[in-house]
């Protein structure tokens, strides 16, 4: 049986898209698509005309023809909408989403995994965030319909997911508990998903994918392996040098002179203890560099999770201008303690000087129209509300939030979608700005690119990463 050594990271909203995951799979390793905001991404791709026909090809393979046709009829625009035209919006998720929104989410994740698996026999995974919990059940089910091989999830403690996979594989309903601010201790709130509600008489048993939890501490790793029923199938041990959201430092956030969170030895994972858990594990965050795979295997790891370097390759979903600017400038990466509405530190690429970028961003009208990072709270009348620290400040305060919680927050939902060329456009003419995230290995990208070239492919990255291990282990 083949030993896979490279697990491609799930990045952004559509940075780890089906093209990148397929390219990694075609090169003999494990490709992973990002499942974040797939409903919005699908409908915007369709509104831009689906120029290569990939969305329509995948939609034609969806088991329920009428559901796929309804999406096409509602969102597909032949030739694409005129430049500068606002996209048609979809509803935001709540704890009681409509059947239409759940169906769209199922289809969108099916499409991405279906396309990623085309043309090769290697496994494909999907990366989801515990912090973006409301769409996760529909996203997982859609990915399973397409035969996804791995569910990879971090940004929280996803202990319920293995049980969800068991239930979905058997065609049964599943639910996830929701964290609601202000709820009483004995109150329980859930979001439910019924495969039968979507599939009707087409409901069948499905292959159960493996579940890998992304963790950054020995305590959480032990919890996921020994206290989760059923146990996880593996772990991704992610260092705080990784891109995107980072776990906060143990003991609370203190900032250095540059304004970044201070991490210490207490935040380092003891790999011998991880090895003793006796499950496969991958090392992520600054492990995606030439020569490090051999060291990871020697430490007992199955292999390495690689994100940032793949984000800069030809097949990634980042718009070309972003990749070109980063490869030319090799900018710094700043761990921003306030950017994310989640409160988790978030890596931000400083393509320009910080003040210039901040001035541009501060001109953005605060609006929350995608809502993936909204949190839930209990209103005085007992009903459930939704708020985000990046929404209009007065609205956030009116919902019981504190003003200081809004300081420095940025709308990651809109920014991450803008990064892949699908920005929200408003009647005022304002176009959502990009906000790029990457890990600390960004500075190493030139080590992968041949002299005289200004780009690299996923296959070339994999070849370089595998050089330091014997062919029998590759």
Protein backbone atom coordinates (compact mmCIF):
# COMPACT_ATOMS: atom_id res chain seq x y z
CA UNK A 1 0.00 0.00 0.00
CA UNK A 2 1.30 3.42 -0.95
CA UNK A 3 2.66 5.61 1.83
CA UNK A 4 1.56 9.17 1.28
CA UNK A 5 4.01 11.71 2.65
CA UNK A 6 2.50 15.07 1.71
CA UNK A 7 -0.89 16.27 2.86
CA UNK A 8 -1.72 19.48 1.03
CA UNK A 9 -3.12 22.09 3.39
CA UNK A 10 -6.64 23.46 3.15
CA UNK A 11 -6.31 27.20 2.63
CA UNK A 12 -8.57 30.21 2.60
CA UNK A 13 -11.82 30.20 0.73
CA UNK A 14 -11.03 28.57 -2.59
CA UNK A 15 -7.23 28.95 -2.46
CA UNK A 16 -7.04 25.18 -2.04
CA UNK A 17 -9.50 24.72 -4.86
CA UNK A 18 -10.22 21.65 -6.95
CA UNK A 19 -7.47 22.47 -9.46
CA UNK A 20 -4.77 22.49 -6.79
CA UNK A 21 -6.10 19.39 -5.02
CA UNK A 22 -6.32 17.54 -8.33
CA UNK A 23 -2.78 18.56 -9.29
CA UNK A 24 -1.47 17.25 -5.97
CA UNK A 25 -3.44 14.03 -6.42
CA UNK A 26 -2.12 13.59 -9.96
CA UNK A 27 1.38 13.95 -8.52
CA UNK A 28 0.78 11.03 -6.15
CA UNK A 29 0.06 12.79 -2.85
CA UNK A 30 -3.08 13.82 -0.93
CA UNK A 31 -4.87 16.86 -2.32
CA UNK A 32 -7.23 18.78 -0.06
CA UNK A 33 -9.92 21.27 -1.04
CA UNK A 34 -11.08 24.05 1.26
CA UNK A 35 -14.77 23.71 2.15
CA UNK A 36 -15.10 27.29 3.41
CA UNK A 37 -17.76 29.41 1.66
CA UNK A 38 -18.28 26.87 -1.10
CA UNK A 39 -21.93 27.86 -1.54
CA UNK A 40 -20.98 31.47 -2.32
CA UNK A 41 -18.04 30.39 -4.47
CA UNK A 42 -20.15 28.07 -6.62
CA UNK A 43 -22.88 30.62 -7.34
CA UNK A 44 -20.32 33.32 -8.16
CA UNK A 45 -18.42 31.02 -10.52
CA UNK A 46 -21.71 30.32 -12.28
CA UNK A 47 -22.57 34.02 -12.47
CA UNK A 48 -19.20 34.66 -14.13
CA UNK A 49 -20.17 32.21 -16.85
CA UNK A 50 -18.32 29.02 -15.83
CA UNK A 51 -15.97 29.67 -18.74
CA UNK A 52 -14.37 26.23 -18.87
CA UNK A 53 -17.60 24.34 -18.13
CA UNK A 54 -16.20 22.58 -15.05
CA UNK A 55 -19.02 23.63 -12.71
CA UNK A 56 -21.67 22.43 -15.15
CA UNK A 57 -19.83 19.16 -15.76
CA UNK A 58 -19.74 18.43 -12.04
CA UNK A 59 -23.34 19.55 -11.56
CA UNK A 60 -24.38 17.07 -14.25
CA UNK A 61 -22.88 14.30 -12.12
CA UNK A 62 -24.84 15.22 -8.98
CA UNK A 63 -27.27 12.40 -8.06
CA UNK A 64 -30.34 14.67 -7.99
CA UNK A 65 -30.74 16.23 -11.44
CA UNK A 66 -33.57 18.54 -10.40
CA UNK A 67 -31.56 20.05 -7.54
CA UNK A 68 -28.59 20.72 -9.82
CA UNK A 69 -30.83 22.16 -12.53
CA UNK A 70 -32.51 24.50 -10.05
CA UNK A 71 -29.11 25.92 -9.09
CA UNK A 72 -28.13 26.34 -12.73
CA UNK A 73 -31.39 28.05 -13.60
CA UNK A 74 -31.07 30.46 -10.70
CA UNK A 75 -27.39 31.41 -10.91
CA UNK A 76 -25.79 30.50 -14.25
CA UNK A 77 -25.25 33.42 -16.61
CA UNK A 78 -24.05 32.47 -20.09
CA UNK A 79 -21.08 34.63 -20.98
CA UNK A 80 -20.97 35.98 -17.41
CA UNK A 81 -22.40 39.07 -15.78
CA UNK A 82 -20.97 42.40 -17.03
CA UNK A 83 -17.80 43.59 -15.29
CA UNK A 84 -18.57 45.64 -12.21
CA UNK A 85 -22.00 44.07 -11.70
CA UNK A 86 -22.76 42.99 -8.12
CA UNK A 87 -23.19 39.25 -7.61
CA UNK A 88 -26.56 37.83 -6.70
CA UNK A 89 -26.41 37.15 -2.97
CA UNK A 90 -27.46 34.01 -1.13
CA UNK A 91 -28.96 33.82 2.37
CA UNK A 92 -26.68 33.61 5.38
CA UNK A 93 -26.59 30.53 7.58
CA UNK A 94 -28.56 30.36 10.81
CA UNK A 95 -29.17 27.41 13.14
CA UNK A 96 -32.32 26.69 11.08
CA UNK A 97 -31.16 27.04 7.47
CA UNK A 98 -33.61 26.65 4.61
CA UNK A 99 -33.70 23.44 2.59
CA UNK A 100 -32.60 25.49 -0.42
CA UNK A 101 -29.46 26.72 1.33
CA UNK A 102 -28.62 23.27 2.67
CA UNK A 103 -29.08 21.78 -0.81
CA UNK A 104 -26.84 24.46 -2.33
CA UNK A 105 -24.13 23.75 0.25
CA UNK A 106 -24.35 20.00 -0.35
CA UNK A 107 -24.06 20.51 -4.12
CA UNK A 108 -21.23 23.04 -3.88
CA UNK A 109 -19.05 20.72 -1.79
CA UNK A 110 -19.93 17.77 -4.01
CA UNK A 111 -18.80 19.77 -7.04
CA UNK A 112 -15.44 20.72 -5.52
CA UNK A 113 -14.57 17.19 -4.38
CA UNK A 114 -15.87 15.60 -7.59
CA UNK A 115 -13.59 17.78 -9.70
CA UNK A 116 -10.60 17.29 -7.37
CA UNK A 117 -10.90 13.50 -7.71
CA UNK A 118 -11.07 13.47 -11.51
CA UNK A 119 -8.18 11.94 -13.44
CA UNK A 120 -6.32 10.08 -10.67
CA UNK A 121 -6.78 7.37 -8.03
CA UNK A 122 -5.17 9.08 -5.04
CA UNK A 123 -7.19 10.20 -2.01
CA UNK A 124 -8.70 13.67 -1.69
CA UNK A 125 -9.64 15.47 1.51
CA UNK A 126 -11.70 18.50 2.45
CA UNK A 127 -10.67 21.03 5.08
CA UNK A 128 -13.33 22.63 7.29
CA UNK A 129 -13.26 24.93 10.32
CA UNK A 130 -14.97 24.26 13.62
CA UNK A 131 -15.36 28.04 13.93
CA UNK A 132 -17.48 28.05 10.75
CA UNK A 133 -19.82 25.49 12.25
CA UNK A 134 -23.24 26.24 10.74
CA UNK A 135 -22.57 24.98 7.18
CA UNK A 136 -20.38 22.06 8.27
CA UNK A 137 -22.98 19.28 8.31
CA UNK A 138 -24.21 20.05 4.80
CA UNK A 139 -20.61 20.54 3.61
CA UNK A 140 -19.51 17.17 4.98
CA UNK A 141 -22.47 15.36 3.46
CA UNK A 142 -21.89 16.92 0.05
CA UNK A 143 -18.23 15.94 0.16
CA UNK A 144 -19.17 12.38 1.15
CA UNK A 145 -21.57 12.15 -1.79
CA UNK A 146 -18.56 12.80 -4.03
CA UNK A 147 -16.50 10.11 -2.27
CA UNK A 148 -14.18 12.30 -0.21
CA UNK A 149 -11.46 10.29 1.54
CA UNK A 150 -10.51 12.61 4.43
CA UNK A 151 -12.25 15.25 6.51
CA UNK A 152 -9.64 17.56 8.03
CA UNK A 153 -10.81 20.08 10.62
CA UNK A 154 -9.28 22.58 13.04
CA UNK A 155 -9.95 26.02 14.58
CA UNK A 156 -11.71 24.46 17.54
CA UNK A 157 -12.33 21.11 19.20
CA UNK A 158 -14.31 19.02 16.68
CA UNK A 159 -15.10 16.05 18.93
CA UNK A 160 -18.52 15.36 17.40
CA UNK A 161 -17.36 14.93 13.81
CA UNK A 162 -16.36 11.23 13.93
CA UNK A 163 -19.88 10.37 15.11
CA UNK A 164 -21.37 12.55 12.36
CA UNK A 165 -19.38 10.60 9.76
CA UNK A 166 -20.71 7.31 11.12
CA UNK A 167 -24.29 8.57 10.90
CA UNK A 168 -23.97 10.06 7.43
CA UNK A 169 -22.33 6.89 6.13
CA UNK A 170 -25.41 4.98 7.33
CA UNK A 171 -27.78 7.55 5.80
CA UNK A 172 -28.89 8.81 9.21
CA UNK A 173 -29.55 12.33 10.51
CA UNK A 174 -26.85 14.13 12.52
CA UNK A 175 -26.50 17.25 14.62
CA UNK A 176 -23.81 19.48 16.12
CA UNK A 177 -23.98 21.30 19.44
CA UNK A 178 -23.71 25.07 19.18
CA UNK A 179 -22.01 27.48 21.54
CA UNK A 180 -24.48 30.25 22.39
CA UNK A 181 -23.28 33.21 24.46
CA UNK A 182 -25.60 33.94 27.37
CA UNK A 183 -27.22 30.51 27.39
CA UNK A 184 -28.05 28.88 30.70
CA UNK A 185 -25.90 25.95 31.81
CA UNK A 186 -28.65 23.41 31.23
CA UNK A 187 -29.61 24.74 27.79
CA UNK A 188 -28.48 22.93 24.66
CA UNK A 189 -28.64 24.35 21.17
CA UNK A 190 -28.02 22.32 18.03
CA UNK A 191 -28.01 22.51 14.27
CA UNK A 192 -29.51 19.47 12.55
CA UNK A 193 -29.08 17.97 9.11
CA UNK A 194 -31.18 15.25 7.52
CA UNK A 195 -29.74 13.50 4.46
CA UNK A 196 -33.22 12.21 3.61
CA UNK A 197 -34.58 15.75 3.49
CA UNK A 198 -32.15 16.46 0.65
CA UNK A 199 -31.91 13.06 -1.06
CA UNK A 200 -35.42 11.67 -0.68
CA UNK A 201 -35.67 8.21 -2.23
CA UNK A 202 -32.12 8.57 -3.60
CA UNK A 203 -30.72 8.23 -0.07
CA UNK A 204 -28.05 5.52 0.15
CA UNK A 205 -25.26 4.43 2.45
CA UNK A 206 -21.95 6.17 1.74
CA UNK A 207 -18.26 5.44 2.19
CA UNK A 208 -17.09 6.81 5.53
CA UNK A 209 -14.06 9.10 5.14
CA UNK A 210 -11.27 9.20 7.70
CA UNK A 211 -11.24 12.12 10.11
CA UNK A 212 -8.06 14.06 10.91
CA UNK A 213 -8.20 16.73 13.61
CA UNK A 214 -5.86 19.72 13.42
CA UNK A 215 -4.40 20.36 16.87
CA UNK A 216 -1.63 22.47 18.35
CA UNK A 217 -1.13 21.00 21.84
CA UNK A 218 -0.53 17.64 23.47
CA UNK A 219 -3.63 18.07 25.63
CA UNK A 220 -5.92 18.55 22.64
CA UNK A 221 -4.24 15.71 20.73
CA UNK A 222 -4.83 13.36 23.66
CA UNK A 223 -8.44 14.51 23.97
CA UNK A 224 -9.15 13.86 20.30
CA UNK A 225 -7.61 10.39 20.38
CA UNK A 226 -8.58 9.05 23.82
CA UNK A 227 -11.73 10.93 24.78
CA UNK A 228 -13.51 11.22 21.43
CA UNK A 229 -15.94 8.44 20.56
CA UNK A 230 -15.31 7.13 18.00
CA UNK A 231 -11.68 8.21 18.07
CA UNK A 232 -10.11 10.28 15.32
CA UNK A 233 -8.25 8.44 12.56
CA UNK A 234 -5.27 10.76 12.68
CA UNK A 235 -3.93 14.18 13.62
CA UNK A 236 -2.34 17.19 12.01
CA UNK A 237 0.03 18.84 14.49
CA UNK A 238 0.04 22.47 13.42
CA UNK A 239 2.68 24.90 14.68
CA UNK A 240 1.87 28.57 15.26
CA UNK A 241 4.02 29.45 12.23
CA UNK A 242 1.27 28.10 9.96
CA UNK A 243 -0.88 30.46 7.92
CA UNK A 244 -4.49 31.42 8.59
CA UNK A 245 -5.82 31.11 12.13
CA UNK A 246 -3.39 30.13 14.88
CA UNK A 247 -4.28 28.80 18.31
CA UNK A 248 -3.83 31.50 20.96
CA UNK A 249 -0.71 31.17 23.17
CA UNK A 250 -1.27 29.06 26.27
CA UNK A 251 -1.90 31.29 29.26
CA UNK A 252 -3.41 34.16 27.26
CA UNK A 253 -2.29 36.65 24.63
CA UNK A 254 0.58 38.98 25.43
CA UNK A 255 2.12 41.07 22.66
CA UNK A 256 5.74 41.72 21.78
CA UNK A 257 7.12 45.14 20.80
CA UNK A 258 5.89 44.62 17.24
CA UNK A 259 2.34 43.86 18.33
CA UNK A 260 2.42 40.10 17.71
CA UNK A 261 1.36 37.41 20.21
CA UNK A 262 4.22 35.92 22.18
CA UNK A 263 4.54 32.13 21.92
CA UNK A 264 6.84 30.21 24.25
CA UNK A 265 8.09 26.70 24.91
CA UNK A 266 4.72 25.96 26.53
CA UNK A 267 3.21 26.20 23.04
CA UNK A 268 5.54 23.62 21.53
CA UNK A 269 4.19 20.10 21.05
CA UNK A 270 6.15 17.14 22.44
CA UNK A 271 6.26 14.78 19.47
CA UNK A 272 7.24 11.75 21.55
CA UNK A 273 3.91 12.06 23.37
CA UNK A 274 2.09 12.42 20.04
CA UNK A 275 3.85 9.30 18.79
CA UNK A 276 2.71 7.38 21.88
CA UNK A 277 -0.95 7.99 20.92
CA UNK A 278 -0.41 5.47 18.11
CA UNK A 279 -2.36 7.22 15.37
CA UNK A 280 -0.96 8.60 12.10
CA UNK A 281 0.04 12.23 12.36
CA UNK A 282 1.31 14.94 10.04
CA UNK A 283 3.42 17.96 10.95
CA UNK A 284 2.29 21.36 9.69
CA UNK A 285 3.58 24.91 9.99
CA UNK A 286 7.14 25.52 8.67
CA UNK A 287 7.58 21.86 7.80
CA UNK A 288 6.96 22.51 4.10
CA UNK A 289 10.58 23.28 3.33
CA UNK A 290 13.23 21.35 1.41
CA UNK A 291 14.93 18.77 3.64
CA UNK A 292 12.34 18.72 6.44
CA UNK A 293 10.30 15.70 5.35
CA UNK A 294 13.03 13.28 6.39
CA UNK A 295 13.16 14.85 9.87
CA UNK A 296 9.38 14.63 10.21
CA UNK A 297 9.39 10.92 9.38
CA UNK A 298 12.25 10.36 11.82
CA UNK A 299 10.10 11.99 14.51
CA UNK A 300 7.39 9.40 13.85
CA UNK A 301 5.16 11.44 11.54
CA UNK A 302 3.41 9.98 8.53
CA UNK A 303 4.51 13.06 6.63
CA UNK A 304 4.08 16.83 6.42
CA UNK A 305 1.16 19.14 5.81
CA UNK A 306 2.15 21.79 3.27
CA UNK A 307 0.08 24.89 2.64
CA UNK A 308 1.85 28.19 2.08
CA UNK A 309 4.18 27.02 -0.69
CA UNK A 310 1.28 25.38 -2.56
CA UNK A 311 -0.68 28.64 -2.23
CA UNK A 312 1.92 30.29 -4.45
CA UNK A 313 1.91 27.65 -7.22
CA UNK A 314 0.23 27.97 -10.62
CA UNK A 315 -2.74 25.79 -9.70
CA UNK A 316 -3.79 27.57 -6.50
CA UNK A 317 -6.91 29.72 -6.37
CA UNK A 318 -5.13 32.98 -5.46
CA UNK A 319 -5.49 35.54 -8.24
CA UNK A 320 -2.32 35.74 -10.33
CA UNK A 321 -1.52 39.31 -9.29
CA UNK A 322 -1.26 38.21 -5.64
CA UNK A 323 1.09 35.34 -6.45
CA UNK A 324 3.23 37.53 -8.71
CA UNK A 325 3.57 40.30 -6.11
CA UNK A 326 4.45 37.90 -3.31
CA UNK A 327 7.08 36.02 -5.32
CA UNK A 328 8.66 39.33 -6.37
CA UNK A 329 8.59 41.09 -2.98
CA UNK A 330 8.83 38.22 -0.46
CA UNK A 331 6.83 40.27 2.07
CA UNK A 332 6.72 39.82 5.82
CA UNK A 333 3.97 37.90 7.58
CA UNK A 334 2.36 39.54 10.63
CA UNK A 335 0.48 37.54 13.26
CA UNK A 336 -2.43 39.92 13.83
CA UNK A 337 -4.07 39.39 17.23
CA UNK A 338 -7.18 41.37 16.26
CA UNK A 339 -7.88 40.82 12.56
CA UNK A 340 -10.14 37.78 12.96
CA UNK A 341 -13.61 38.19 14.48
CA UNK A 342 -13.05 34.79 16.11
CA UNK A 343 -10.49 36.24 18.52
CA UNK A 344 -7.86 33.77 17.27
CA UNK A 345 -4.55 35.24 16.02
CA UNK A 346 -4.52 35.41 12.22
CA UNK A 347 -1.52 35.58 9.88
CA UNK A 348 -1.61 38.56 7.49
CA UNK A 349 0.79 39.13 4.58
CA UNK A 350 2.13 42.69 4.51
CA UNK A 351 2.42 43.34 0.77
CA UNK A 352 2.66 47.09 1.34
CA UNK A 353 3.58 49.11 4.39
CA UNK A 354 1.17 48.54 7.26
CA UNK A 355 -0.14 52.11 7.46
CA UNK A 356 -1.02 52.22 3.76
CA UNK A 357 -2.88 48.94 3.97
CA UNK A 358 -4.70 50.04 7.10
CA UNK A 359 -5.81 53.30 5.48
CA UNK A 360 -7.27 51.41 2.54
CA UNK A 361 -9.07 48.98 4.78
CA UNK A 362 -10.50 51.65 7.08
CA UNK A 363 -12.35 53.13 4.08
CA UNK A 364 -14.31 49.90 3.79
CA UNK A 365 -17.95 50.29 4.84
CA UNK A 366 -18.58 47.79 7.64
CA UNK A 367 -21.08 45.22 6.46
CA UNK A 368 -21.79 41.59 7.34
CA UNK A 369 -23.37 39.94 4.31
CA UNK A 370 -21.70 36.51 4.19
CA UNK A 371 -21.77 35.73 7.90
CA UNK A 372 -19.63 32.60 8.15
CA UNK A 373 -17.81 33.85 11.26
CA UNK A 374 -20.85 35.16 13.08
CA UNK A 375 -21.28 33.90 16.63
CA UNK A 376 -24.55 33.04 18.34
CA UNK A 377 -25.99 34.75 21.40
CA UNK A 378 -29.17 34.47 23.41
CA UNK A 379 -31.44 37.51 23.32
CA UNK A 380 -33.43 38.80 26.28
CA UNK A 381 -36.60 37.24 24.83
CA UNK A 382 -34.91 33.82 24.68
CA UNK A 383 -34.46 33.72 20.92
CA UNK A 384 -31.09 33.32 19.19
CA UNK A 385 -29.27 36.19 17.51
CA UNK A 386 -26.15 36.42 15.37
CA UNK A 387 -23.33 38.94 15.62
CA UNK A 388 -19.83 39.51 14.31
CA UNK A 389 -17.18 41.80 15.73
CA UNK A 390 -16.42 42.97 12.17
CA UNK A 391 -20.00 44.10 11.47
CA UNK A 392 -21.13 47.76 11.91
CA UNK A 393 -20.07 48.78 15.40
CA UNK A 394 -23.42 50.20 16.51
CA UNK A 395 -25.18 47.02 15.37
CA UNK A 396 -22.70 44.86 17.27
CA UNK A 397 -23.13 46.87 20.47
CA UNK A 398 -26.92 46.77 20.11
CA UNK A 399 -26.63 42.97 20.09
CA UNK A 400 -24.83 42.95 23.42
CA UNK A 401 -21.27 43.07 22.12
CA UNK A 402 -18.55 45.26 23.60
CA UNK A 403 -17.07 48.14 21.61
CA UNK A 404 -13.48 47.07 22.34
CA UNK A 405 -14.22 43.71 20.71
CA UNK A 406 -14.67 45.50 17.36
CA UNK A 407 -11.28 47.23 17.38
CA UNK A 408 -9.04 46.10 14.55
CA UNK A 409 -11.46 43.44 13.33
CA UNK A 410 -11.61 42.74 9.62
CA UNK A 411 -14.21 41.03 7.48
CA UNK A 412 -12.30 37.85 6.67
CA UNK A 413 -15.30 36.33 4.88
CA UNK A 414 -15.36 38.98 2.15
CA UNK A 415 -11.58 39.40 2.04
CA UNK A 416 -10.87 35.70 1.52
CA UNK A 417 -13.39 35.46 -1.30
CA UNK A 418 -11.84 38.57 -2.89
CA UNK A 419 -8.45 36.81 -2.79
CA UNK A 420 -9.66 34.34 -5.43
CA UNK A 421 -11.17 36.93 -7.76
CA UNK A 422 -14.78 36.80 -6.55
CA UNK A 423 -15.11 40.06 -4.55
CA UNK A 424 -18.42 41.48 -3.45
CA UNK A 425 -19.25 44.64 -5.41
CA UNK A 426 -21.70 47.22 -4.13
CA UNK A 427 -24.03 49.69 -5.82
CA UNK A 428 -21.81 52.47 -4.47
CA UNK A 429 -19.00 51.09 -6.61
CA UNK A 430 -16.97 49.82 -3.66
CA UNK A 431 -15.20 46.54 -4.35
CA UNK A 432 -14.12 44.34 -1.43
CA UNK A 433 -10.35 44.36 -0.84
CA UNK A 434 -8.08 41.36 -0.51
CA UNK A 435 -6.50 40.30 2.79
CA UNK A 436 -3.85 37.66 2.22
CA UNK A 437 -2.82 35.04 4.73
CA UNK A 438 0.23 32.78 4.62
CA UNK A 439 2.58 31.00 6.97
CA UNK A 440 6.11 31.90 7.94
CA UNK A 441 7.53 29.68 5.18
CA UNK A 442 6.47 32.35 2.67
CA UNK A 443 10.04 33.67 2.70
CA UNK A 444 11.20 30.26 1.42
CA UNK A 445 9.25 30.35 -1.84
CA UNK A 446 12.27 31.41 -3.93
CA UNK A 447 14.05 28.22 -2.84
CA UNK A 448 11.46 26.27 -4.84
CA UNK A 449 11.47 28.34 -8.04
CA UNK A 450 14.05 27.66 -10.72
CA UNK A 451 16.42 30.48 -11.56
CA UNK A 452 14.99 32.59 -14.35
CA UNK A 453 11.40 31.50 -13.64
CA UNK A 454 8.67 33.43 -11.86
CA UNK A 455 6.32 30.55 -11.07
CA UNK A 456 6.14 26.91 -10.00
CA UNK A 457 3.71 24.02 -10.31
CA UNK A 458 2.35 21.73 -7.62
CA UNK A 459 4.19 18.80 -9.21
CA UNK A 460 7.52 20.65 -9.00
CA UNK A 461 6.93 21.46 -5.32
CA UNK A 462 6.21 17.82 -4.54
CA UNK A 463 9.32 16.66 -6.39
CA UNK A 464 11.48 19.02 -4.33
CA UNK A 465 9.89 18.02 -1.02
CA UNK A 466 10.34 14.30 -1.70
CA UNK A 467 14.00 14.52 -2.68
CA UNK A 468 15.39 13.86 0.78
CA UNK A 469 13.69 10.50 1.29
CA UNK A 470 14.34 7.26 -0.52
CA UNK A 471 12.13 6.26 -3.47
CA UNK A 472 10.79 3.32 -1.48
CA UNK A 473 9.40 5.74 1.13
CA UNK A 474 8.05 8.23 -1.39
